[in-house]
Amino acid sequence: MTLDLATAAAADFTPHLETPFTASMPAGDDFRLTLVDVCRGAGGPTREQFTLTFAGGPNPPVRQRILRLDHESLGGLDLFLVPIGPGVDGRQRYEAVFA
């Protein structure tokens, strides 16, 4: 199953908290990210707003960009990820915003 990002909602991701995603890099230096937070925002005129926070990956972090994330249940997702700094556990954090 591949999730349609145009209609995706926070509820589509919540069951997958603490599960791994594989981020594909153009040079083949793939790395693993874990979904660590799903935060619901205000309702928008056309969709629910929410953010996804992922942890893991290389240090230093990759720059903001569209990355292909593969998940065993959700399929392949092309998400614009922004590095937001390390968490208290030292793992790098990345955020994807849906508005």
Protein backbone atom coordinates (compact mmCIF):
# COMPACT_ATOMS: atom_id res chain seq x y z
CA MET A 1 0.00 0.00 0.00
CA THR A 2 1.23 3.48 -0.83
CA LEU A 3 -0.31 6.35 1.12
CA ASP A 4 -1.70 9.27 -0.92
CA LEU A 5 0.03 12.30 0.61
CA ALA A 6 -2.56 14.69 -0.85
CA THR A 7 -5.19 13.24 1.48
CA ALA A 8 -2.98 11.91 4.29
CA ALA A 9 -3.91 12.75 7.88
CA ALA A 10 -2.17 12.42 11.23
CA ALA A 11 -4.26 9.33 11.95
CA ASP A 12 -2.61 7.57 9.00
CA PHE A 13 0.80 7.86 10.70
CA THR A 14 -0.04 7.48 14.40
CA PRO A 15 -0.21 3.65 14.29
CA HIS A 16 3.35 3.67 12.92
CA LEU A 17 5.01 5.55 15.78
CA GLU A 18 8.34 3.98 16.76
CA THR A 19 8.58 2.04 13.50
CA PRO A 20 11.48 2.29 11.03
CA PHE A 21 11.57 4.08 7.70
CA THR A 22 14.46 3.76 5.24
CA ALA A 23 15.59 7.06 3.71
CA SER A 24 17.06 6.73 0.23
CA MET A 25 19.92 9.03 -0.74
CA PRO A 26 20.94 9.68 -4.36
CA ALA A 27 24.48 8.33 -3.78
CA GLY A 28 23.11 5.15 -2.21
CA ASP A 29 24.00 6.06 1.38
CA ASP A 30 20.60 5.00 2.70
CA PHE A 31 19.86 5.37 6.39
CA ARG A 32 17.17 4.48 8.90
CA LEU A 33 14.78 6.92 10.57
CA THR A 34 12.22 6.18 13.27
CA LEU A 35 8.90 8.04 13.46
CA VAL A 36 8.94 9.47 17.00
CA ASP A 37 6.10 12.02 17.03
CA VAL A 38 2.89 12.89 15.18
CA CYS A 39 1.58 16.32 16.18
CA ARG A 40 -1.85 17.49 15.07
CA GLY A 41 -2.25 21.15 14.18
CA ALA A 42 -5.19 23.38 13.45
CA GLY A 43 -7.71 22.40 10.83
CA GLY A 44 -7.02 23.99 7.49
CA PRO A 45 -9.41 24.98 4.72
CA THR A 46 -8.61 21.87 2.68
CA ARG A 47 -6.88 19.44 5.07
CA GLU A 48 -5.84 18.70 8.63
CA GLN A 49 -2.47 20.25 9.45
CA PHE A 50 0.10 18.05 11.20
CA THR A 51 3.82 17.43 11.58
CA LEU A 52 5.85 14.24 11.66
CA THR A 53 9.11 14.03 13.58
CA PHE A 54 11.69 11.38 12.73
CA ALA A 55 14.86 10.48 14.65
CA GLY A 56 18.08 8.90 13.44
CA GLY A 57 20.28 9.20 10.42
CA PRO A 58 23.80 10.44 9.91
CA ASN A 59 25.72 12.96 11.95
CA PRO A 60 26.14 15.62 10.69
CA PRO A 61 22.56 15.57 9.41
CA VAL A 62 21.62 15.67 5.75
CA ARG A 63 20.45 19.07 4.52
CA GLN A 64 16.77 19.79 4.02
CA ARG A 65 15.49 18.07 0.91
CA ILE A 66 12.90 15.73 -0.48
CA LEU A 67 13.78 12.21 0.59
CA ARG A 68 12.21 8.94 -0.40
CA LEU A 69 11.13 7.12 2.76
CA ASP A 70 10.13 3.47 2.51
CA HIS A 71 7.99 1.82 5.17
CA GLU A 72 6.82 -1.79 5.30
CA SER A 73 3.13 -0.82 5.71
CA LEU A 74 2.88 2.67 4.19
CA GLY A 75 5.02 2.00 1.12
CA GLY A 76 7.19 4.68 -0.47
CA LEU A 77 6.70 8.32 0.49
CA ASP A 78 8.51 11.35 -0.94
CA LEU A 79 8.68 13.82 1.98
CA PHE A 80 10.38 17.20 2.36
CA LEU A 81 12.42 16.72 5.55
CA VAL A 82 14.09 19.51 7.50
CA PRO A 83 16.76 18.77 10.13
CA ILE A 84 15.70 20.37 13.43
CA GLY A 85 18.62 19.37 15.66
CA PRO A 86 19.35 16.51 18.02
CA GLY A 87 16.88 15.28 20.60
CA VAL A 88 17.69 14.65 24.25
CA ASP A 89 18.83 11.15 23.27
CA GLY A 90 21.41 12.63 20.88
CA ARG A 91 19.73 11.32 17.73
CA GLN A 92 19.22 13.84 14.93
CA ARG A 93 15.60 14.95 14.40
CA TYR A 94 13.90 15.66 11.08
CA GLU A 95 10.48 17.22 10.57
CA ALA A 96 7.91 16.95 7.77
CA VAL A 97 5.04 19.45 7.80
CA PHE A 98 1.63 18.90 6.20
CA ALA A 99 -0.42 22.08 5.80
